[in-house]
Amino acid sequence: MRSARWRLLWLLGSAGCVPGMSGPTPRLDERAELRHVID
């Protein structure tokens, strides 16, 4: 999970995103279900 996030931070580097920033995010089970459904 962390490596995937760092990958996007590199991809969207100019977005001004930093690790640990707060804000809404999908629930963990939703994220896992999303990955499972797409896979």
Full PDB file with SEQRES, HELIX, SHEET, SSBOND, CRYST1, ORIGX, SCALE, CONECT and MASTER records, all heavy atoms in Angstrom:
SEQRES   1 A   39  MET ARG SER ALA ARG TRP ARG LEU LEU TRP LEU LEU GLY          
SEQRES   2 A   39  SER ALA GLY CYS VAL PRO GLY MET SER GLY PRO THR PRO          
SEQRES   3 A   39  ARG LEU ASP GLU ARG ALA GLU LEU ARG HIS VAL ILE ASP          
HELIX    1 AA1 ARG A    2  LEU A   11  1                                  10    
HELIX    2 AA2 GLY A   13  ALA A   15  5                                   3    
HELIX    3 AA3 LEU A   28  ILE A   38  1                                  11    
CRYST1    1.000    1.000    1.000  90.00  90.00  90.00 P 1           1          
ORIGX1      1.000000  0.000000  0.000000        0.00000                         
ORIGX2      0.000000  1.000000  0.000000        0.00000                         
ORIGX3      0.000000  0.000000  1.000000        0.00000                         
SCALE1      1.000000  0.000000  0.000000        0.00000                         
SCALE2      0.000000  1.000000  0.000000        0.00000                         
SCALE3      0.000000  0.000000  1.000000        0.00000                         
ATOM      1  N   MET A   1       0.825  -1.195   0.000  1.00  0.00           N  
ATOM      2  CA  MET A   1       0.000   0.000   0.000  1.00  0.00           C  
ATOM      3  C   MET A   1       0.869   1.259   0.000  1.00  0.00           C  
ATOM      4  O   MET A   1       0.634   2.199  -0.731  1.00  0.00           O  
ATOM      5  CB  MET A   1      -0.919   0.018   1.225  1.00  0.00           C  
ATOM      6  CG  MET A   1      -1.981  -1.057   1.202  1.00  0.00           C  
ATOM      7  SD  MET A   1      -3.135  -0.742  -0.140  1.00  0.00           S  
ATOM      8  CE  MET A   1      -3.826   0.770   0.451  1.00  0.00           C  
ATOM      9  N   ARG A   2       1.915   1.251   0.851  1.00  0.00           N  
ATOM     10  CA  ARG A   2       2.748   2.433   0.950  1.00  0.00           C  
ATOM     11  C   ARG A   2       3.503   2.676  -0.362  1.00  0.00           C  
ATOM     12  O   ARG A   2       3.597   3.807  -0.855  1.00  0.00           O  
ATOM     13  CB  ARG A   2       3.730   2.292   2.112  1.00  0.00           C  
ATOM     14  CG  ARG A   2       4.564   3.568   2.328  1.00  0.00           C  
ATOM     15  CD  ARG A   2       5.389   3.435   3.604  1.00  0.00           C  
ATOM     16  NE  ARG A   2       6.186   4.617   3.821  1.00  0.00           N  
ATOM     17  CZ  ARG A   2       5.751   5.738   4.350  1.00  0.00           C  
ATOM     18  NH1 ARG A   2       4.479   5.826   4.676  1.00  0.00           N  
ATOM     19  NH2 ARG A   2       6.538   6.771   4.520  1.00  0.00           N  
ATOM     20  N   SER A   3       4.011   1.570  -0.971  1.00  0.00           N  
ATOM     21  CA  SER A   3       4.748   1.731  -2.214  1.00  0.00           C  
ATOM     22  C   SER A   3       3.845   2.271  -3.312  1.00  0.00           C  
ATOM     23  O   SER A   3       4.263   3.076  -4.146  1.00  0.00           O  
ATOM     24  CB  SER A   3       5.375   0.404  -2.637  1.00  0.00           C  
ATOM     25  OG  SER A   3       4.363  -0.544  -2.898  1.00  0.00           O  
ATOM     26  N   ALA A   4       2.590   1.815  -3.346  1.00  0.00           N  
ATOM     27  CA  ALA A   4       1.654   2.307  -4.351  1.00  0.00           C  
ATOM     28  C   ALA A   4       1.409   3.797  -4.168  1.00  0.00           C  
ATOM     29  O   ALA A   4       1.317   4.567  -5.125  1.00  0.00           O  
ATOM     30  CB  ALA A   4       0.332   1.544  -4.264  1.00  0.00           C  
ATOM     31  N   ARG A   5       1.334   4.210  -2.913  1.00  0.00           N  
ATOM     32  CA  ARG A   5       1.074   5.622  -2.651  1.00  0.00           C  
ATOM     33  C   ARG A   5       2.271   6.476  -3.054  1.00  0.00           C  
ATOM     34  O   ARG A   5       2.134   7.529  -3.668  1.00  0.00           O  
ATOM     35  CB  ARG A   5       0.752   5.829  -1.179  1.00  0.00           C  
ATOM     36  CG  ARG A   5       0.312   7.282  -0.899  1.00  0.00           C  
ATOM     37  CD  ARG A   5      -0.034   7.470   0.541  1.00  0.00           C  
ATOM     38  NE  ARG A   5      -0.501   8.843   0.733  1.00  0.00           N  
ATOM     39  CZ  ARG A   5      -0.644   9.388   1.919  1.00  0.00           C  
ATOM     40  NH1 ARG A   5      -0.396   8.680   2.998  1.00  0.00           N  
ATOM     41  NH2 ARG A   5      -1.063  10.629   2.031  1.00  0.00           N  
ATOM     42  N   TRP A   6       3.450   6.003  -2.717  1.00  0.00           N  
ATOM     43  CA  TRP A   6       4.642   6.751  -3.117  1.00  0.00           C  
ATOM     44  C   TRP A   6       4.769   6.811  -4.624  1.00  0.00           C  
ATOM     45  O   TRP A   6       5.276   7.775  -5.186  1.00  0.00           O  
ATOM     46  CB  TRP A   6       5.891   6.136  -2.488  1.00  0.00           C  
ATOM     47  CG  TRP A   6       6.091   6.606  -1.076  1.00  0.00           C  
ATOM     48  CD1 TRP A   6       5.805   5.941   0.054  1.00  0.00           C  
ATOM     49  CD2 TRP A   6       6.583   7.894  -0.672  1.00  0.00           C  
ATOM     50  NE1 TRP A   6       6.100   6.695   1.156  1.00  0.00           N  
ATOM     51  CE2 TRP A   6       6.574   7.908   0.748  1.00  0.00           C  
ATOM     52  CE3 TRP A   6       7.030   9.017  -1.362  1.00  0.00           C  
ATOM     53  CZ2 TRP A   6       7.006   9.005   1.481  1.00  0.00           C  
ATOM     54  CZ3 TRP A   6       7.455  10.107  -0.624  1.00  0.00           C  
ATOM     55  CH2 TRP A   6       7.443  10.098   0.778  1.00  0.00           C  
ATOM     56  N   ARG A   7       4.325   5.756  -5.313  1.00  0.00           N  
ATOM     57  CA  ARG A   7       4.342   5.760  -6.770  1.00  0.00           C  
ATOM     58  C   ARG A   7       3.498   6.915  -7.295  1.00  0.00           C  
ATOM     59  O   ARG A   7       3.895   7.636  -8.218  1.00  0.00           O  
ATOM     60  CB  ARG A   7       3.804   4.420  -7.292  1.00  0.00           C  
ATOM     61  CG  ARG A   7       3.534   4.376  -8.797  1.00  0.00           C  
ATOM     62  CD  ARG A   7       4.793   4.513  -9.584  1.00  0.00           C  
ATOM     63  NE  ARG A   7       4.548   4.253 -10.989  1.00  0.00           N  
ATOM     64  CZ  ARG A   7       5.363   4.607 -11.958  1.00  0.00           C  
ATOM     65  NH1 ARG A   7       6.501   5.231 -11.677  1.00  0.00           N  
ATOM     66  NH2 ARG A   7       5.064   4.339 -13.221  1.00  0.00           N  
ATOM     67  N   LEU A   8       2.301   7.122  -6.739  1.00  0.00           N  
ATOM     68  CA  LEU A   8       1.459   8.202  -7.207  1.00  0.00           C  
ATOM     69  C   LEU A   8       2.027   9.556  -6.818  1.00  0.00           C  
ATOM     70  O   LEU A   8       1.908  10.529  -7.550  1.00  0.00           O  
ATOM     71  CB  LEU A   8       0.026   8.060  -6.682  1.00  0.00           C  
ATOM     72  CG  LEU A   8      -0.903   9.125  -7.286  1.00  0.00           C  
ATOM     73  CD1 LEU A   8      -1.126   8.828  -8.761  1.00  0.00           C  
ATOM     74  CD2 LEU A   8      -2.187   9.219  -6.551  1.00  0.00           C  
ATOM     75  N   LEU A   9       2.659   9.652  -5.631  1.00  0.00           N  
ATOM     76  CA  LEU A   9       3.270  10.912  -5.247  1.00  0.00           C  
ATOM     77  C   LEU A   9       4.328  11.335  -6.254  1.00  0.00           C  
ATOM     78  O   LEU A   9       4.473  12.516  -6.578  1.00  0.00           O  
ATOM     79  CB  LEU A   9       3.889  10.790  -3.842  1.00  0.00           C  
ATOM     80  CG  LEU A   9       2.878  10.720  -2.694  1.00  0.00           C  
ATOM     81  CD1 LEU A   9       3.594  10.412  -1.394  1.00  0.00           C  
ATOM     82  CD2 LEU A   9       2.112  12.015  -2.566  1.00  0.00           C  
ATOM     83  N   TRP A  10       5.061  10.352  -6.796  1.00  0.00           N  
ATOM     84  CA  TRP A  10       6.019  10.667  -7.866  1.00  0.00           C  
ATOM     85  C   TRP A  10       5.267  11.057  -9.133  1.00  0.00           C  
ATOM     86  O   TRP A  10       5.613  12.025  -9.800  1.00  0.00           O  
ATOM     87  CB  TRP A  10       6.892   9.448  -8.133  1.00  0.00           C  
ATOM     88  CG  TRP A  10       7.675   9.577  -9.408  1.00  0.00           C  
ATOM     89  CD1 TRP A  10       8.819  10.280  -9.602  1.00  0.00           C  
ATOM     90  CD2 TRP A  10       7.330   8.997 -10.666  1.00  0.00           C  
ATOM     91  NE1 TRP A  10       9.216  10.175 -10.907  1.00  0.00           N  
ATOM     92  CE2 TRP A  10       8.329   9.394 -11.586  1.00  0.00           C  
ATOM     93  CE3 TRP A  10       6.298   8.175 -11.112  1.00  0.00           C  
ATOM     94  CZ2 TRP A  10       8.314   8.998 -12.899  1.00  0.00           C  
ATOM     95  CZ3 TRP A  10       6.280   7.791 -12.420  1.00  0.00           C  
ATOM     96  CH2 TRP A  10       7.276   8.193 -13.295  1.00  0.00           C  
ATOM     97  N   LEU A  11       4.207  10.326  -9.466  1.00  0.00           N  
ATOM     98  CA  LEU A  11       3.455  10.572 -10.687  1.00  0.00           C  
ATOM     99  C   LEU A  11       2.796  11.940 -10.667  1.00  0.00           C  
ATOM    100  O   LEU A  11       2.803  12.664 -11.645  1.00  0.00           O  
ATOM    101  CB  LEU A  11       2.384   9.485 -10.867  1.00  0.00           C  
ATOM    102  CG  LEU A  11       1.419   9.645 -12.048  1.00  0.00           C  
ATOM    103  CD1 LEU A  11       2.192   9.550 -13.353  1.00  0.00           C  
ATOM    104  CD2 LEU A  11       0.329   8.601 -11.983  1.00  0.00           C  
ATOM    105  N   LEU A  12       2.239  12.327  -9.527  1.00  0.00           N  
ATOM    106  CA  LEU A  12       1.544  13.605  -9.394  1.00  0.00           C  
ATOM    107  C   LEU A  12       2.340  14.544  -8.505  1.00  0.00           C  
ATOM    108  O   LEU A  12       1.795  15.248  -7.655  1.00  0.00           O  
ATOM    109  CB  LEU A  12       0.134  13.396  -8.817  1.00  0.00           C  
ATOM    110  CG  LEU A  12      -0.778  12.462  -9.603  1.00  0.00           C  
ATOM    111  CD1 LEU A  12      -2.126  12.341  -8.895  1.00  0.00           C  
ATOM    112  CD2 LEU A  12      -0.975  12.967 -11.008  1.00  0.00           C  
ATOM    113  N   GLY A  13       3.655  14.568  -8.686  1.00  0.00           N  
ATOM    114  CA  GLY A  13       4.537  15.316  -7.809  1.00  0.00           C  
ATOM    115  C   GLY A  13       4.188  16.779  -7.704  1.00  0.00           C  
ATOM    116  O   GLY A  13       4.355  17.403  -6.656  1.00  0.00           O  
ATOM    117  N   SER A  14       3.703  17.381  -8.794  1.00  0.00           N  
ATOM    118  CA  SER A  14       3.409  18.800  -8.761  1.00  0.00           C  
ATOM    119  C   SER A  14       2.086  19.107  -8.076  1.00  0.00           C  
ATOM    120  O   SER A  14       1.686  20.252  -7.966  1.00  0.00           O  
ATOM    121  CB  SER A  14       3.374  19.350 -10.188  1.00  0.00           C  
ATOM    122  OG  SER A  14       2.390  18.690 -10.943  1.00  0.00           O  
ATOM    123  N   ALA A  15       1.377  18.071  -7.619  1.00  0.00           N  
ATOM    124  CA  ALA A  15       0.088  18.307  -6.973  1.00  0.00           C  
ATOM    125  C   ALA A  15       0.236  18.861  -5.565  1.00  0.00           C  
ATOM    126  O   ALA A  15      -0.716  19.282  -4.954  1.00  0.00           O  
ATOM    127  CB  ALA A  15      -0.712  17.003  -6.923  1.00  0.00           C  
ATOM    128  N   GLY A  16       1.466  18.865  -5.015  1.00  0.00           N  
ATOM    129  CA  GLY A  16       1.665  19.378  -3.679  1.00  0.00           C  
ATOM    130  C   GLY A  16       1.224  18.427  -2.598  1.00  0.00           C  
ATOM    131  O   GLY A  16       0.965  18.843  -1.470  1.00  0.00           O  
ATOM    132  N   CYS A  17       1.074  17.124  -2.899  1.00  0.00           N  
ATOM    133  CA  CYS A  17       0.647  16.144  -1.911  1.00  0.00           C  
ATOM    134  C   CYS A  17       1.830  15.721  -1.053  1.00  0.00           C  
ATOM    135  O   CYS A  17       2.959  15.595  -1.544  1.00  0.00           O  
ATOM    136  CB  CYS A  17       0.051  14.917  -2.600  1.00  0.00           C  
ATOM    137  SG  CYS A  17      -1.315  15.328  -3.699  1.00  0.00           S  
ATOM    138  N   VAL A  18       1.586  15.482   0.205  1.00  0.00           N  
ATOM    139  CA  VAL A  18       2.645  15.034   1.106  1.00  0.00           C  
ATOM    140  C   VAL A  18       2.159  13.845   1.891  1.00  0.00           C  
ATOM    141  O   VAL A  18       0.970  13.714   2.184  1.00  0.00           O  
ATOM    142  CB  VAL A  18       3.067  16.167   2.077  1.00  0.00           C  
ATOM    143  CG1 VAL A  18       3.693  17.310   1.317  1.00  0.00           C  
ATOM    144  CG2 VAL A  18       1.885  16.661   2.903  1.00  0.00           C  
ATOM    145  N   PRO A  19       3.061  12.904   2.282  1.00  0.00           N  
ATOM    146  CA  PRO A  19       2.643  11.743   3.058  1.00  0.00           C  
ATOM    147  C   PRO A  19       2.015  12.173   4.372  1.00  0.00           C  
ATOM    148  O   PRO A  19       2.437  13.142   5.011  1.00  0.00           O  
ATOM    149  CB  PRO A  19       3.959  10.981   3.279  1.00  0.00           C  
ATOM    150  CG  PRO A  19       4.867  11.470   2.184  1.00  0.00           C  
ATOM    151  CD  PRO A  19       4.488  12.894   1.954  1.00  0.00           C  
ATOM    152  N   GLY A  20       0.971  11.443   4.750  1.00  0.00           N  
ATOM    153  CA  GLY A  20       0.349  11.677   6.037  1.00  0.00           C  
ATOM    154  C   GLY A  20      -0.705  12.756   6.036  1.00  0.00           C  
ATOM    155  O   GLY A  20      -1.252  13.077   7.081  1.00  0.00           O  
ATOM    156  N   MET A  21      -0.959  13.365   4.865  1.00  0.00           N  
ATOM    157  CA  MET A  21      -1.966  14.420   4.839  1.00  0.00           C  
ATOM    158  C   MET A  21      -3.317  13.822   5.190  1.00  0.00           C  
ATOM    159  O   MET A  21      -3.624  12.688   4.851  1.00  0.00           O  
ATOM    160  CB  MET A  21      -2.007  15.092   3.458  1.00  0.00           C  
ATOM    161  CG  MET A  21      -2.467  14.211   2.333  1.00  0.00           C  
ATOM    162  SD  MET A  21      -2.330  14.999   0.729  1.00  0.00           S  
ATOM    163  CE  MET A  21      -3.502  16.325   0.904  1.00  0.00           C  
ATOM    164  N   SER A  22      -4.125  14.600   5.871  1.00  0.00           N  
ATOM    165  CA  SER A  22      -5.429  14.111   6.287  1.00  0.00           C  
ATOM    166  C   SER A  22      -6.443  14.378   5.190  1.00  0.00           C  
ATOM    167  O   SER A  22      -6.216  15.148   4.274  1.00  0.00           O  
ATOM    168  CB  SER A  22      -5.862  14.811   7.582  1.00  0.00           C  
ATOM    169  OG  SER A  22      -5.960  16.207   7.364  1.00  0.00           O  
ATOM    170  N   GLY A  23      -7.609  13.771   5.331  1.00  0.00           N  
ATOM    171  CA  GLY A  23      -8.658  13.944   4.346  1.00  0.00           C  
ATOM    172  C   GLY A  23      -9.389  12.643   4.148  1.00  0.00           C  
ATOM    173  O   GLY A  23      -8.938  11.582   4.587  1.00  0.00           O  
ATOM    174  N   PRO A  24     -10.536  12.688   3.482  1.00  0.00           N  
ATOM    175  CA  PRO A  24     -11.333  11.485   3.289  1.00  0.00           C  
ATOM    176  C   PRO A  24     -10.657  10.504   2.359  1.00  0.00           C  
ATOM    177  O   PRO A  24     -10.001  10.884   1.399  1.00  0.00           O  
ATOM    178  CB  PRO A  24     -12.635  12.020   2.673  1.00  0.00           C  
ATOM    179  CG  PRO A  24     -12.245  13.310   2.040  1.00  0.00           C  
ATOM    180  CD  PRO A  24     -11.156  13.875   2.886  1.00  0.00           C  
ATOM    181  N   THR A  25     -10.800   9.235   2.645  1.00  0.00           N  
ATOM    182  CA  THR A  25     -10.254   8.176   1.807  1.00  0.00           C  
ATOM    183  C   THR A  25     -11.195   6.990   1.853  1.00  0.00           C  
ATOM    184  O   THR A  25     -11.926   6.808   2.831  1.00  0.00           O  
ATOM    185  CB  THR A  25      -8.853   7.758   2.304  1.00  0.00           C  
ATOM    186  OG1 THR A  25      -8.303   6.813   1.399  1.00  0.00           O  
ATOM    187  CG2 THR A  25      -8.908   7.138   3.681  1.00  0.00           C  
ATOM    188  N   PRO A  26     -11.258   6.187   0.820  1.00  0.00           N  
ATOM    189  CA  PRO A  26     -12.149   5.022   0.870  1.00  0.00           C  
ATOM    190  C   PRO A  26     -11.800   4.098   2.036  1.00  0.00           C  
ATOM    191  O   PRO A  26     -10.637   3.962   2.409  1.00  0.00           O  
ATOM    192  CB  PRO A  26     -11.889   4.335  -0.476  1.00  0.00           C  
ATOM    193  CG  PRO A  26     -11.367   5.422  -1.354  1.00  0.00           C  
ATOM    194  CD  PRO A  26     -10.588   6.320  -0.450  1.00  0.00           C  
ATOM    195  N   ARG A  27     -12.811   3.463   2.627  1.00  0.00           N  
ATOM    196  CA  ARG A  27     -12.567   2.505   3.693  1.00  0.00           C  
ATOM    197  C   ARG A  27     -11.676   1.376   3.187  1.00  0.00           C  
ATOM    198  O   ARG A  27     -11.693   1.030   2.019  1.00  0.00           O  
ATOM    199  CB  ARG A  27     -13.902   1.908   4.188  1.00  0.00           C  
ATOM    200  CG  ARG A  27     -14.833   2.911   4.843  1.00  0.00           C  
ATOM    201  CD  ARG A  27     -16.100   2.211   5.294  1.00  0.00           C  
ATOM    202  NE  ARG A  27     -17.084   3.143   5.782  1.00  0.00           N  
ATOM    203  CZ  ARG A  27     -17.131   3.580   7.028  1.00  0.00           C  
ATOM    204  NH1 ARG A  27     -16.235   3.167   7.913  1.00  0.00           N  
ATOM    205  NH2 ARG A  27     -18.078   4.426   7.395  1.00  0.00           N  
ATOM    206  N   LEU A  28     -10.937   0.801   4.129  1.00  0.00           N  
ATOM    207  CA  LEU A  28      -9.992  -0.245   3.759  1.00  0.00           C  
ATOM    208  C   LEU A  28     -10.685  -1.398   3.059  1.00  0.00           C  
ATOM    209  O   LEU A  28     -10.205  -1.915   2.053  1.00  0.00           O  
ATOM    210  CB  LEU A  28      -9.254  -0.744   5.006  1.00  0.00           C  
ATOM    211  CG  LEU A  28      -8.150  -1.766   4.770  1.00  0.00           C  
ATOM    212  CD1 LEU A  28      -7.088  -1.188   3.860  1.00  0.00           C  
ATOM    213  CD2 LEU A  28      -7.541  -2.210   6.094  1.00  0.00           C  
ATOM    214  N   ASP A  29     -11.873  -1.815   3.582  1.00  0.00           N  
ATOM    215  CA  ASP A  29     -12.547  -2.942   2.957  1.00  0.00           C  
ATOM    216  C   ASP A  29     -13.045  -2.580   1.569  1.00  0.00           C  
ATOM    217  O   ASP A  29     -13.056  -3.415   0.661  1.00  0.00           O  
ATOM    218  CB  ASP A  29     -13.712  -3.428   3.835  1.00  0.00           C  
ATOM    219  CG  ASP A  29     -14.724  -2.337   4.151  1.00  0.00           C  
ATOM    220  OD1 ASP A  29     -14.396  -1.150   3.965  1.00  0.00           O  
ATOM    221  OD2 ASP A  29     -15.839  -2.686   4.581  1.00  0.00           O  
ATOM    222  N   GLU A  30     -13.443  -1.346   1.372  1.00  0.00           N  
ATOM    223  CA  GLU A  30     -13.854  -0.910   0.050  1.00  0.00           C  
ATOM    224  C   GLU A  30     -12.691  -0.933  -0.926  1.00  0.00           C  
ATOM    225  O   GLU A  30     -12.834  -1.333  -2.073  1.00  0.00           O  
ATOM    226  CB  GLU A  30     -14.434   0.501   0.107  1.00  0.00           C  
ATOM    227  CG  GLU A  30     -15.847   0.598   0.652  1.00  0.00           C  
ATOM    228  CD  GLU A  30     -16.412   1.979   0.416  1.00  0.00           C  
ATOM    229  OE1 GLU A  30     -15.734   2.958   0.798  1.00  0.00           O  
ATOM    230  OE2 GLU A  30     -17.498   2.085  -0.156  1.00  0.00           O  
ATOM    231  N   ARG A  31     -11.531  -0.497  -0.466  1.00  0.00           N  
ATOM    232  CA  ARG A  31     -10.348  -0.486  -1.323  1.00  0.00           C  
ATOM    233  C   ARG A  31      -9.981  -1.916  -1.722  1.00  0.00           C  
ATOM    234  O   ARG A  31      -9.685  -2.184  -2.888  1.00  0.00           O  
ATOM    235  CB  ARG A  31      -9.174   0.172  -0.592  1.00  0.00           C  
ATOM    236  CG  ARG A  31      -9.366   1.642  -0.307  1.00  0.00           C  
ATOM    237  CD  ARG A  31      -8.362   2.136   0.714  1.00  0.00           C  
ATOM    238  NE  ARG A  31      -7.005   2.000   0.230  1.00  0.00           N  
ATOM    239  CZ  ARG A  31      -6.325   2.970  -0.383  1.00  0.00           C  
ATOM    240  NH1 ARG A  31      -6.901   4.140  -0.580  1.00  0.00           N  
ATOM    241  NH2 ARG A  31      -5.088   2.772  -0.786  1.00  0.00           N  
ATOM    242  N   ALA A  32     -10.001  -2.825  -0.766  1.00  0.00           N  
ATOM    243  CA  ALA A  32      -9.675  -4.221  -1.056  1.00  0.00           C  
ATOM    244  C   ALA A  32     -10.709  -4.820  -1.994  1.00  0.00           C  
ATOM    245  O   ALA A  32     -10.366  -5.564  -2.928  1.00  0.00           O  
ATOM    246  CB  ALA A  32      -9.592  -5.020   0.242  1.00  0.00           C  
ATOM    247  N   GLU A  33     -11.973  -4.498  -1.762  1.00  0.00           N  
ATOM    248  CA  GLU A  33     -13.031  -5.019  -2.627  1.00  0.00           C  
ATOM    249  C   GLU A  33     -12.891  -4.469  -4.041  1.00  0.00           C  
ATOM    250  O   GLU A  33     -13.062  -5.193  -5.022  1.00  0.00           O  
ATOM    251  CB  GLU A  33     -14.400  -4.649  -2.064  1.00  0.00           C  
ATOM    252  CG  GLU A  33     -15.557  -5.186  -2.899  1.00  0.00           C  
ATOM    253  CD  GLU A  33     -16.909  -4.732  -2.385  1.00  0.00           C  
ATOM    254  OE1 GLU A  33     -16.949  -3.935  -1.418  1.00  0.00           O  
ATOM    255  OE2 GLU A  33     -17.923  -5.162  -2.957  1.00  0.00           O  
ATOM    256  N   LEU A  34     -12.544  -3.176  -4.150  1.00  0.00           N  
ATOM    257  CA  LEU A  34     -12.354  -2.570  -5.453  1.00  0.00           C  
ATOM    258  C   LEU A  34     -11.242  -3.275  -6.222  1.00  0.00           C  
ATOM    259  O   LEU A  34     -11.408  -3.628  -7.398  1.00  0.00           O  
ATOM    260  CB  LEU A  34     -12.015  -1.083  -5.292  1.00  0.00           C  
ATOM    261  CG  LEU A  34     -11.723  -0.325  -6.594  1.00  0.00           C  
ATOM    262  CD1 LEU A  34     -12.987  -0.198  -7.444  1.00  0.00           C  
ATOM    263  CD2 LEU A  34     -11.137   1.061  -6.281  1.00  0.00           C  
ATOM    264  N   ARG A  35     -10.118  -3.510  -5.554  1.00  0.00           N  
ATOM    265  CA  ARG A  35      -9.007  -4.195  -6.219  1.00  0.00           C  
ATOM    266  C   ARG A  35      -9.414  -5.605  -6.642  1.00  0.00           C  
ATOM    267  O   ARG A  35      -9.092  -6.062  -7.742  1.00  0.00           O  
ATOM    268  CB  ARG A  35      -7.792  -4.248  -5.299  1.00  0.00           C  
ATOM    269  CG  ARG A  35      -7.138  -2.901  -5.062  1.00  0.00           C  
ATOM    270  CD  ARG A  35      -5.759  -3.067  -4.449  1.00  0.00           C  
ATOM    271  NE  ARG A  35      -5.822  -3.777  -3.170  1.00  0.00           N  
ATOM    272  CZ  ARG A  35      -6.022  -3.183  -1.998  1.00  0.00           C  
ATOM    273  NH1 ARG A  35      -6.186  -1.856  -1.953  1.00  0.00           N  
ATOM    274  NH2 ARG A  35      -6.044  -3.867  -0.878  1.00  0.00           N  
ATOM    275  N   HIS A  36     -10.125  -6.286  -5.758  1.00  0.00           N  
ATOM    276  CA  HIS A  36     -10.543  -7.662  -6.049  1.00  0.00           C  
ATOM    277  C   HIS A  36     -11.490  -7.691  -7.253  1.00  0.00           C  
ATOM    278  O   HIS A  36     -11.346  -8.541  -8.150  1.00  0.00           O  
ATOM    279  CB  HIS A  36     -11.226  -8.273  -4.826  1.00  0.00           C  
ATOM    280  CG  HIS A  36     -11.838  -9.624  -5.103  1.00  0.00           C  
ATOM    281  ND1 HIS A  36     -11.084 -10.762  -5.303  1.00  0.00           N  
ATOM    282  CD2 HIS A  36     -13.140 -10.002  -5.236  1.00  0.00           C  
ATOM    283  CE1 HIS A  36     -11.884 -11.779  -5.532  1.00  0.00           C  
ATOM    284  NE2 HIS A  36     -13.144 -11.343  -5.509  1.00  0.00           N  
ATOM    285  N   VAL A  37     -12.454  -6.763  -7.291  1.00  0.00           N  
ATOM    286  CA  VAL A  37     -13.435  -6.742  -8.382  1.00  0.00           C  
ATOM    287  C   VAL A  37     -12.736  -6.455  -9.709  1.00  0.00           C  
ATOM    288  O   VAL A  37     -12.989  -7.124 -10.718  1.00  0.00           O  
ATOM    289  CB  VAL A  37     -14.527  -5.694  -8.094  1.00  0.00           C  
ATOM    290  CG1 VAL A  37     -15.373  -5.448  -9.349  1.00  0.00           C  
ATOM    291  CG2 VAL A  37     -15.424  -6.157  -6.945  1.00  0.00           C  
ATOM    292  N   ILE A  38     -11.839  -5.477  -9.721  1.00  0.00           N  
ATOM    293  CA  ILE A  38     -11.167  -5.136 -10.980  1.00  0.00           C  
ATOM    294  C   ILE A  38     -10.253  -6.273 -11.418  1.00  0.00           C  
ATOM    295  O   ILE A  38     -10.233  -6.650 -12.601  1.00  0.00           O  
ATOM    296  CB  ILE A  38     -10.388  -3.815 -10.837  1.00  0.00           C  
ATOM    297  CG1 ILE A  38     -11.343  -2.661 -10.538  1.00  0.00           C  
ATOM    298  CG2 ILE A  38      -9.615  -3.525 -12.121  1.00  0.00           C  
ATOM    299  CD1 ILE A  38     -10.666  -1.330 -10.303  1.00  0.00           C  
ATOM    300  N   ASP A  39      -9.504  -6.839 -10.478  1.00  0.00           N  
ATOM    301  CA  ASP A  39      -8.653  -7.989 -10.819  1.00  0.00           C  
ATOM    302  C   ASP A  39      -9.481  -9.107 -11.439  1.00  0.00           C  
ATOM    303  O   ASP A  39      -9.072  -9.729 -12.435  1.00  0.00           O  
ATOM    304  CB  ASP A  39      -7.936  -8.514  -9.573  1.00  0.00           C  
ATOM    305  CG  ASP A  39      -6.767  -7.643  -9.140  1.00  0.00           C  
ATOM    306  OD1 ASP A  39      -6.297  -6.829  -9.956  1.00  0.00           O  
ATOM    307  OD2 ASP A  39      -6.333  -7.779  -7.976  1.00  0.00           O  
TER     308      ASP A  39                                                      
MASTER        0    0    0    3    0    0    0    6  307    1    0    3          
END                                                                             
